[in-house]
């Protein structure tokens, strides 16, 4: 009997930081995490954390270069390997 081995990482909220670069392997677009904020701040509602992201790449234009993403959705895309984190090269 064989077992499936995966290198899949489970990303958590603590892995997301301003300056993190993500890549959509399908479109080749790159997204840069800028700022995390609670979109429900000031409302009597549970917190909903959102990341402001700036995008560049083949499918990005002036209308979709700044897109906020709900943190849970961002983590789901990373954990499903729909997006990947671009690691910094050693200097």
PDB file of N, CA and C in Angstrom:
ATOM      1  N   UNK A   1       0.849  -1.177   0.000  1.00  0.00           N
ATOM      2  CA  UNK A   1       0.000   0.000   0.000  1.00  0.00           C
ATOM      3  C   UNK A   1       0.892   1.238   0.000  1.00  0.00           C
ATOM      4  N   UNK A   2       0.590   2.183  -0.850  1.00  0.00           N
ATOM      5  CA  UNK A   2       1.372   3.415  -0.905  1.00  0.00           C
ATOM      6  C   UNK A   2       0.596   4.544  -0.254  1.00  0.00           C
ATOM      7  N   UNK A   3       1.330   5.528   0.176  1.00  0.00           N
ATOM      8  CA  UNK A   3       0.675   6.683   0.777  1.00  0.00           C
ATOM      9  C   UNK A   3       1.057   7.936  -0.005  1.00  0.00           C
ATOM     10  N   UNK A   4       0.170   8.870  -0.037  1.00  0.00           N
ATOM     11  CA  UNK A   4       0.396  10.121  -0.731  1.00  0.00           C
ATOM     12  C   UNK A   4       1.185  11.053   0.181  1.00  0.00           C
ATOM     13  N   UNK A   5       2.285  11.543  -0.337  1.00  0.00           N
ATOM     14  CA  UNK A   5       3.105  12.490   0.423  1.00  0.00           C
ATOM     15  C   UNK A   5       2.982  13.834  -0.256  1.00  0.00           C
ATOM     16  N   UNK A   6       2.728  14.848   0.526  1.00  0.00           N
ATOM     17  CA  UNK A   6       2.595  16.187  -0.025  1.00  0.00           C
ATOM     18  C   UNK A   6       3.466  17.161   0.748  1.00  0.00           C
ATOM     19  N   UNK A   7       3.927  18.158   0.062  1.00  0.00           N
ATOM     20  CA  UNK A   7       4.711  19.215   0.700  1.00  0.00           C
ATOM     21  C   UNK A   7       3.837  20.422   0.997  1.00  0.00           C
ATOM     22  N   UNK A   8       2.543  20.242   0.903  1.00  0.00           N
ATOM     23  CA  UNK A   8       1.615  21.345   1.093  1.00  0.00           C
ATOM     24  C   UNK A   8       1.772  21.955   2.477  1.00  0.00           C
ATOM     25  N   UNK A   9       1.917  23.251   2.493  1.00  0.00           N
ATOM     26  CA  UNK A   9       2.059  23.982   3.741  1.00  0.00           C
ATOM     27  C   UNK A   9       0.698  24.542   4.130  1.00  0.00           C
ATOM     28  N   UNK A  10       0.461  24.622   5.402  1.00  0.00           N
ATOM     29  CA  UNK A  10      -0.783  25.226   5.880  1.00  0.00           C
ATOM     30  C   UNK A  10      -0.462  26.639   6.372  1.00  0.00           C
ATOM     31  N   UNK A  11      -0.869  27.620   5.597  1.00  0.00           N
ATOM     32  CA  UNK A  11      -0.610  29.013   5.964  1.00  0.00           C
ATOM     33  C   UNK A  11      -1.640  29.483   6.977  1.00  0.00           C
ATOM     34  N   UNK A  12      -1.169  30.342   7.867  1.00  0.00           N
ATOM     35  CA  UNK A  12      -2.010  30.909   8.922  1.00  0.00           C
ATOM     36  C   UNK A  12      -1.971  32.438   8.837  1.00  0.00           C
ATOM     37  N   UNK A  13      -2.844  33.075   9.584  1.00  0.00           N
ATOM     38  CA  UNK A  13      -2.880  34.541   9.609  1.00  0.00           C
ATOM     39  C   UNK A  13      -1.519  35.131   9.943  1.00  0.00           C
ATOM     40  N   UNK A  14      -0.790  34.489  10.828  1.00  0.00           N
ATOM     41  CA  UNK A  14       0.515  35.007  11.252  1.00  0.00           C
ATOM     42  C   UNK A  14       1.554  34.967  10.127  1.00  0.00           C
ATOM     43  N   UNK A  15       1.299  34.216   9.067  1.00  0.00           N
ATOM     44  CA  UNK A  15       2.219  34.167   7.924  1.00  0.00           C
ATOM     45  C   UNK A  15       2.053  35.369   6.997  1.00  0.00           C
ATOM     46  N   UNK A  16       0.942  36.065   7.107  1.00  0.00           N
ATOM     47  CA  UNK A  16       0.668  37.205   6.241  1.00  0.00           C
ATOM     48  C   UNK A  16       1.216  38.478   6.867  1.00  0.00           C
ATOM     49  N   UNK A  17       2.035  39.180   6.108  1.00  0.00           N
ATOM     50  CA  UNK A  17       2.684  40.406   6.593  1.00  0.00           C
ATOM     51  C   UNK A  17       2.717  41.431   5.456  1.00  0.00           C
ATOM     52  N   UNK A  18       2.707  42.721   5.801  1.00  0.00           N
ATOM     53  CA  UNK A  18       2.898  43.723   4.751  1.00  0.00           C
ATOM     54  C   UNK A  18       4.222  43.455   4.018  1.00  0.00           C
ATOM     55  N   UNK A  19       4.181  43.584   2.710  1.00  0.00           N
ATOM     56  CA  UNK A  19       5.372  43.346   1.908  1.00  0.00           C
ATOM     57  C   UNK A  19       5.450  41.955   1.317  1.00  0.00           C
ATOM     58  N   UNK A  20       4.557  41.062   1.748  1.00  0.00           N
ATOM     59  CA  UNK A  20       4.540  39.701   1.205  1.00  0.00           C
ATOM     60  C   UNK A  20       4.088  39.752  -0.253  1.00  0.00           C
ATOM     61  N   UNK A  21       4.764  38.987  -1.106  1.00  0.00           N
ATOM     62  CA  UNK A  21       4.457  38.944  -2.526  1.00  0.00           C
ATOM     63  C   UNK A  21       3.862  37.585  -2.861  1.00  0.00           C
ATOM     64  N   UNK A  22       2.703  37.598  -3.515  1.00  0.00           N
ATOM     65  CA  UNK A  22       2.061  36.355  -3.936  1.00  0.00           C
ATOM     66  C   UNK A  22       1.952  36.349  -5.455  1.00  0.00           C
ATOM     67  N   UNK A  23       1.875  35.144  -6.015  1.00  0.00           N
ATOM     68  CA  UNK A  23       1.783  35.003  -7.467  1.00  0.00           C
ATOM     69  C   UNK A  23       0.614  34.103  -7.817  1.00  0.00           C
ATOM     70  N   UNK A  24      -0.125  34.514  -8.830  1.00  0.00           N
ATOM     71  CA  UNK A  24      -1.162  33.669  -9.402  1.00  0.00           C
ATOM     72  C   UNK A  24      -0.493  32.915 -10.554  1.00  0.00           C
ATOM     73  N   UNK A  25      -0.239  31.610 -10.404  1.00  0.00           N
ATOM     74  CA  UNK A  25       0.480  30.868 -11.437  1.00  0.00           C
ATOM     75  C   UNK A  25      -0.266  30.770 -12.769  1.00  0.00           C
ATOM     76  N   UNK A  26      -1.575  30.949 -12.747  1.00  0.00           N
ATOM     77  CA  UNK A  26      -2.355  30.863 -13.978  1.00  0.00           C
ATOM     78  C   UNK A  26      -2.196  32.144 -14.801  1.00  0.00           C
ATOM     79  N   UNK A  27      -2.403  33.303 -14.162  1.00  0.00           N
ATOM     80  CA  UNK A  27      -2.345  34.578 -14.879  1.00  0.00           C
ATOM     81  C   UNK A  27      -0.938  35.175 -14.904  1.00  0.00           C
ATOM     82  N   UNK A  28      -0.076  34.699 -14.005  1.00  0.00           N
ATOM     83  CA  UNK A  28       1.289  35.228 -13.827  1.00  0.00           C
ATOM     84  C   UNK A  28       1.305  36.602 -13.160  1.00  0.00           C
ATOM     85  N   UNK A  29       0.160  37.054 -12.641  1.00  0.00           N
ATOM     86  CA  UNK A  29       0.094  38.323 -11.930  1.00  0.00           C
ATOM     87  C   UNK A  29       0.753  38.187 -10.560  1.00  0.00           C
ATOM     88  N   UNK A  30       1.299  39.303 -10.076  1.00  0.00           N
ATOM     89  CA  UNK A  30       1.912  39.366  -8.749  1.00  0.00           C
ATOM     90  C   UNK A  30       1.112  40.321  -7.882  1.00  0.00           C
ATOM     91  N   UNK A  31       0.858  39.914  -6.637  1.00  0.00           N
ATOM     92  CA  UNK A  31       0.129  40.740  -5.679  1.00  0.00           C
ATOM     93  C   UNK A  31       0.996  41.022  -4.471  1.00  0.00           C
ATOM     94  N   UNK A  32       0.979  42.274  -4.017  1.00  0.00           N
ATOM     95  CA  UNK A  32       1.795  42.749  -2.915  1.00  0.00           C
ATOM     96  C   UNK A  32       0.870  43.130  -1.766  1.00  0.00           C
ATOM     97  N   UNK A  33       1.042  42.485  -0.614  1.00  0.00           N
ATOM     98  CA  UNK A  33       0.218  42.816   0.556  1.00  0.00           C
ATOM     99  C   UNK A  33       0.702  44.136   1.142  1.00  0.00           C
ATOM    100  N   UNK A  34      -0.237  45.067   1.309  1.00  0.00           N
ATOM    101  CA  UNK A  34       0.126  46.408   1.768  1.00  0.00           C
ATOM    102  C   UNK A  34      -0.286  46.650   3.211  1.00  0.00           C
ATOM    103  N   UNK A  35      -1.570  46.473   3.482  1.00  0.00           N
ATOM    104  CA  UNK A  35      -2.075  46.828   4.810  1.00  0.00           C
ATOM    105  C   UNK A  35      -3.251  45.935   5.179  1.00  0.00           C
ATOM    106  N   UNK A  36      -3.295  45.547   6.445  1.00  0.00           N
ATOM    107  CA  UNK A  36      -4.390  44.738   6.991  1.00  0.00           C
ATOM    108  C   UNK A  36      -5.296  45.648   7.809  1.00  0.00           C
ATOM    109  N   UNK A  37      -6.614  45.505   7.601  1.00  0.00           N
ATOM    110  CA  UNK A  37      -7.542  46.324   8.373  1.00  0.00           C
ATOM    111  C   UNK A  37      -8.850  45.573   8.588  1.00  0.00           C
ATOM    112  N   UNK A  38      -9.569  46.001   9.623  1.00  0.00           N
ATOM    113  CA  UNK A  38     -10.878  45.431   9.946  1.00  0.00           C
ATOM    114  C   UNK A  38     -11.938  46.232   9.201  1.00  0.00           C
ATOM    115  N   UNK A  39     -12.542  45.609   8.205  1.00  0.00           N
ATOM    116  CA  UNK A  39     -13.520  46.310   7.376  1.00  0.00           C
ATOM    117  C   UNK A  39     -14.788  46.656   8.175  1.00  0.00           C
ATOM    118  N   UNK A  40     -14.996  46.001   9.303  1.00  0.00           N
ATOM    119  CA  UNK A  40     -16.181  46.253  10.121  1.00  0.00           C
ATOM    120  C   UNK A  40     -15.889  47.180  11.304  1.00  0.00           C
ATOM    121  N   UNK A  41     -14.723  47.794  11.320  1.00  0.00           N
ATOM    122  CA  UNK A  41     -14.375  48.702  12.413  1.00  0.00           C
ATOM    123  C   UNK A  41     -15.436  49.803  12.536  1.00  0.00           C
ATOM    124  N   UNK A  42     -15.865  50.031  13.744  1.00  0.00           N
ATOM    125  CA  UNK A  42     -16.882  51.041  13.994  1.00  0.00           C
ATOM    126  C   UNK A  42     -18.308  50.507  13.943  1.00  0.00           C
ATOM    127  N   UNK A  43     -18.452  49.273  13.543  1.00  0.00           N
ATOM    128  CA  UNK A  43     -19.764  48.638  13.493  1.00  0.00           C
ATOM    129  C   UNK A  43     -19.856  47.624  14.624  1.00  0.00           C
ATOM    130  N   UNK A  44     -21.056  47.369  15.088  1.00  0.00           N
ATOM    131  CA  UNK A  44     -21.235  46.348  16.114  1.00  0.00           C
ATOM    132  C   UNK A  44     -21.358  44.996  15.423  1.00  0.00           C
ATOM    133  N   UNK A  45     -20.221  44.484  15.015  1.00  0.00           N
ATOM    134  CA  UNK A  45     -20.167  43.247  14.252  1.00  0.00           C
ATOM    135  C   UNK A  45     -18.803  42.618  14.512  1.00  0.00           C
ATOM    136  N   UNK A  46     -18.714  41.310  14.323  1.00  0.00           N
ATOM    137  CA  UNK A  46     -17.418  40.674  14.510  1.00  0.00           C
ATOM    138  C   UNK A  46     -16.431  41.201  13.476  1.00  0.00           C
ATOM    139  N   UNK A  47     -15.150  41.107  13.812  1.00  0.00           N
ATOM    140  CA  UNK A  47     -14.104  41.598  12.920  1.00  0.00           C
ATOM    141  C   UNK A  47     -14.065  40.799  11.624  1.00  0.00           C
ATOM    142  N   UNK A  48     -13.857  41.496  10.529  1.00  0.00           N
ATOM    143  CA  UNK A  48     -13.602  40.866   9.230  1.00  0.00           C
ATOM    144  C   UNK A  48     -12.320  41.513   8.704  1.00  0.00           C
ATOM    145  N   UNK A  49     -11.231  40.743   8.727  1.00  0.00           N
ATOM    146  CA  UNK A  49      -9.931  41.278   8.344  1.00  0.00           C
ATOM    147  C   UNK A  49      -9.734  41.211   6.838  1.00  0.00           C
ATOM    148  N   UNK A  50      -9.244  42.313   6.301  1.00  0.00           N
ATOM    149  CA  UNK A  50      -9.053  42.474   4.862  1.00  0.00           C
ATOM    150  C   UNK A  50      -7.634  42.985   4.620  1.00  0.00           C
ATOM    151  N   UNK A  51      -7.054  42.561   3.507  1.00  0.00           N
ATOM    152  CA  UNK A  51      -5.733  43.043   3.092  1.00  0.00           C
ATOM    153  C   UNK A  51      -5.881  43.907   1.844  1.00  0.00           C
ATOM    154  N   UNK A  52      -5.345  45.131   1.902  1.00  0.00           N
ATOM    155  CA  UNK A  52      -5.179  45.919   0.685  1.00  0.00           C
ATOM    156  C   UNK A  52      -4.029  45.293  -0.083  1.00  0.00           C
ATOM    157  N   UNK A  53      -4.249  45.058  -1.372  1.00  0.00           N
ATOM    158  CA  UNK A  53      -3.213  44.450  -2.208  1.00  0.00           C
ATOM    159  C   UNK A  53      -3.059  45.259  -3.493  1.00  0.00           C
ATOM    160  N   UNK A  54      -1.825  45.403  -3.919  1.00  0.00           N
ATOM    161  CA  UNK A  54      -1.528  46.008  -5.218  1.00  0.00           C
ATOM    162  C   UNK A  54      -1.059  44.905  -6.154  1.00  0.00           C
ATOM    163  N   UNK A  55      -1.569  44.927  -7.378  1.00  0.00           N
ATOM    164  CA  UNK A  55      -1.292  43.880  -8.359  1.00  0.00           C
ATOM    165  C   UNK A  55      -0.600  44.447  -9.587  1.00  0.00           C
ATOM    166  N   UNK A  56       0.230  43.604 -10.201  1.00  0.00           N
ATOM    167  CA  UNK A  56       0.849  43.914 -11.477  1.00  0.00           C
ATOM    168  C   UNK A  56       0.981  42.623 -12.265  1.00  0.00           C
ATOM    169  N   UNK A  57       0.978  42.738 -13.574  1.00  0.00           N
ATOM    170  CA  UNK A  57       1.139  41.552 -14.401  1.00  0.00           C
ATOM    171  C   UNK A  57       0.316  41.618 -15.665  1.00  0.00           C
ATOM    172  N   UNK A  58       0.335  40.530 -16.409  1.00  0.00           N
ATOM    173  CA  UNK A  58      -0.301  40.497 -17.726  1.00  0.00           C
ATOM    174  C   UNK A  58      -1.809  40.783 -17.733  1.00  0.00           C
ATOM    175  N   UNK A  59      -2.510  40.443 -16.664  1.00  0.00           N
ATOM    176  CA  UNK A  59      -3.964  40.658 -16.664  1.00  0.00           C
ATOM    177  C   UNK A  59      -4.385  41.803 -15.754  1.00  0.00           C
ATOM    178  N   UNK A  60      -3.432  42.602 -15.329  1.00  0.00           N
ATOM    179  CA  UNK A  60      -3.716  43.724 -14.426  1.00  0.00           C
ATOM    180  C   UNK A  60      -3.728  45.030 -15.210  1.00  0.00           C
ATOM    181  N   UNK A  61      -4.694  45.883 -14.900  1.00  0.00           N
ATOM    182  CA  UNK A  61      -4.733  47.217 -15.503  1.00  0.00           C
ATOM    183  C   UNK A  61      -5.124  48.230 -14.427  1.00  0.00           C
ATOM    184  N   UNK A  62      -5.400  49.453 -14.835  1.00  0.00           N
ATOM    185  CA  UNK A  62      -5.685  50.506 -13.862  1.00  0.00           C
ATOM    186  C   UNK A  62      -6.957  50.255 -13.069  1.00  0.00           C
ATOM    187  N   UNK A  63      -7.850  49.418 -13.574  1.00  0.00           N
ATOM    188  CA  UNK A  63      -9.109  49.152 -12.876  1.00  0.00           C
ATOM    189  C   UNK A  63      -8.998  48.076 -11.808  1.00  0.00           C
ATOM    190  N   UNK A  64      -8.007  47.199 -11.923  1.00  0.00           N
ATOM    191  CA  UNK A  64      -7.914  46.102 -10.947  1.00  0.00           C
ATOM    192  C   UNK A  64      -6.533  45.974 -10.308  1.00  0.00           C
ATOM    193  N   UNK A  65      -5.778  47.058 -10.295  1.00  0.00           N
ATOM    194  CA  UNK A  65      -4.440  46.971  -9.704  1.00  0.00           C
ATOM    195  C   UNK A  65      -4.460  47.116  -8.181  1.00  0.00           C
ATOM    196  N   UNK A  66      -5.513  47.685  -7.618  1.00  0.00           N
ATOM    197  CA  UNK A  66      -5.637  47.784  -6.160  1.00  0.00           C
ATOM    198  C   UNK A  66      -6.927  47.075  -5.763  1.00  0.00           C
ATOM    199  N   UNK A  67      -6.760  45.891  -5.159  1.00  0.00           N
ATOM    200  CA  UNK A  67      -7.910  45.061  -4.834  1.00  0.00           C
ATOM    201  C   UNK A  67      -7.810  44.597  -3.386  1.00  0.00           C
ATOM    202  N   UNK A  68      -8.825  44.855  -2.572  1.00  0.00           N
ATOM    203  CA  UNK A  68      -8.816  44.306  -1.211  1.00  0.00           C
ATOM    204  C   UNK A  68      -9.259  42.843  -1.229  1.00  0.00           C
ATOM    205  N   UNK A  69      -8.622  42.030  -0.367  1.00  0.00           N
ATOM    206  CA  UNK A  69      -8.999  40.624  -0.253  1.00  0.00           C
ATOM    207  C   UNK A  69      -9.280  40.299   1.200  1.00  0.00           C
ATOM    208  N   UNK A  70     -10.384  39.609   1.438  1.00  0.00           N
ATOM    209  CA  UNK A  70     -10.690  39.136   2.783  1.00  0.00           C
ATOM    210  C   UNK A  70      -9.609  38.127   3.171  1.00  0.00           C
ATOM    211  N   UNK A  71      -9.091  38.274   4.378  1.00  0.00           N
ATOM    212  CA  UNK A  71      -7.973  37.461   4.842  1.00  0.00           C
ATOM    213  C   UNK A  71      -8.235  35.965   4.732  1.00  0.00           C
ATOM    214  N   UNK A  72      -9.423  35.522   5.099  1.00  0.00           N
ATOM    215  CA  UNK A  72      -9.742  34.092   5.031  1.00  0.00           C
ATOM    216  C   UNK A  72      -9.707  33.583   3.590  1.00  0.00           C
ATOM    217  N   UNK A  73     -10.154  34.409   2.637  1.00  0.00           N
ATOM    218  CA  UNK A  73     -10.111  34.021   1.229  1.00  0.00           C
ATOM    219  C   UNK A  73      -8.675  33.944   0.735  1.00  0.00           C
ATOM    220  N   UNK A  74      -7.860  34.890   1.149  1.00  0.00           N
ATOM    221  CA  UNK A  74      -6.442  34.889   0.791  1.00  0.00           C
ATOM    222  C   UNK A  74      -5.755  33.625   1.300  1.00  0.00           C
ATOM    223  N   UNK A  75      -6.021  33.263   2.544  1.00  0.00           N
ATOM    224  CA  UNK A  75      -5.438  32.042   3.113  1.00  0.00           C
ATOM    225  C   UNK A  75      -5.953  30.797   2.389  1.00  0.00           C
ATOM    226  N   UNK A  76      -7.220  30.793   2.030  1.00  0.00           N
ATOM    227  CA  UNK A  76      -7.773  29.649   1.294  1.00  0.00           C
ATOM    228  C   UNK A  76      -7.088  29.480  -0.055  1.00  0.00           C
ATOM    229  N   UNK A  77      -6.847  30.580  -0.767  1.00  0.00           N
ATOM    230  CA  UNK A  77      -6.164  30.508  -2.066  1.00  0.00           C
ATOM    231  C   UNK A  77      -4.725  30.009  -1.907  1.00  0.00           C
ATOM    232  N   UNK A  78      -4.047  30.457  -0.871  1.00  0.00           N
ATOM    233  CA  UNK A  78      -2.674  29.989  -0.624  1.00  0.00           C
ATOM    234  C   UNK A  78      -2.657  28.517  -0.223  1.00  0.00           C
ATOM    235  N   UNK A  79      -3.546  28.126   0.662  1.00  0.00           N
ATOM    236  CA  UNK A  79      -3.557  26.742   1.135  1.00  0.00           C
ATOM    237  C   UNK A  79      -4.014  25.753   0.062  1.00  0.00           C
ATOM    238  N   UNK A  80      -4.798  26.219  -0.891  1.00  0.00           N
ATOM    239  CA  UNK A  80      -5.212  25.372  -2.006  1.00  0.00           C
ATOM    240  C   UNK A  80      -4.186  25.400  -3.140  1.00  0.00           C
ATOM    241  N   UNK A  81      -3.129  26.169  -2.942  1.00  0.00           N
ATOM    242  CA  UNK A  81      -2.050  26.339  -3.924  1.00  0.00           C
ATOM    243  C   UNK A  81      -2.545  26.950  -5.230  1.00  0.00           C
ATOM    244  N   UNK A  82      -3.624  27.726  -5.128  1.00  0.00           N
ATOM    245  CA  UNK A  82      -4.090  28.512  -6.279  1.00  0.00           C
ATOM    246  C   UNK A  82      -3.190  29.729  -6.459  1.00  0.00           C
ATOM    247  N   UNK A  83      -2.683  30.249  -5.354  1.00  0.00           N
ATOM    248  CA  UNK A  83      -1.673  31.300  -5.340  1.00  0.00           C
ATOM    249  C   UNK A  83      -0.467  30.753  -4.600  1.00  0.00           C
ATOM    250  N   UNK A  84       0.706  31.296  -4.907  1.00  0.00           N
ATOM    251  CA  UNK A  84       1.911  30.882  -4.203  1.00  0.00           C
ATOM    252  C   UNK A  84       2.634  32.111  -3.651  1.00  0.00           C
ATOM    253  N   UNK A  85       3.344  31.912  -2.568  1.00  0.00           N
ATOM    254  CA  UNK A  85       4.146  32.984  -1.996  1.00  0.00           C
ATOM    255  C   UNK A  85       5.480  33.012  -2.731  1.00  0.00           C
ATOM    256  N   UNK A  86       5.879  34.214  -3.159  1.00  0.00           N
ATOM    257  CA  UNK A  86       7.158  34.404  -3.821  1.00  0.00           C
ATOM    258  C   UNK A  86       8.192  34.678  -2.732  1.00  0.00           C
ATOM    259  N   UNK A  87       9.125  33.770  -2.595  1.00  0.00           N
ATOM    260  CA  UNK A  87      10.155  33.900  -1.569  1.00  0.00           C
ATOM    261  C   UNK A  87      11.213  34.896  -2.026  1.00  0.00           C
ATOM    262  N   UNK A  88      11.723  35.682  -1.082  1.00  0.00           N
ATOM    263  CA  UNK A  88      12.804  36.619  -1.389  1.00  0.00           C
ATOM    264  C   UNK A  88      14.084  35.827  -1.671  1.00  0.00           C
ATOM    265  N   UNK A  89      14.820  36.307  -2.662  1.00  0.00           N
ATOM    266  CA  UNK A  89      16.108  35.679  -2.956  1.00  0.00           C
ATOM    267  C   UNK A  89      17.122  36.142  -1.928  1.00  0.00           C
ATOM    268  N   UNK A  90      18.093  35.267  -1.643  1.00  0.00           N
ATOM    269  CA  UNK A  90      19.163  35.643  -0.719  1.00  0.00           C
ATOM    270  C   UNK A  90      19.951  36.795  -1.310  1.00  0.00           C
ATOM    271  N   UNK A  91      20.299  37.746  -0.459  1.00  0.00           N
ATOM    272  CA  UNK A  91      21.052  38.900  -0.937  1.00  0.00           C
ATOM    273  C   UNK A  91      22.528  38.680  -0.782  1.00  0.00           C
TER     274      UNK A  91
END
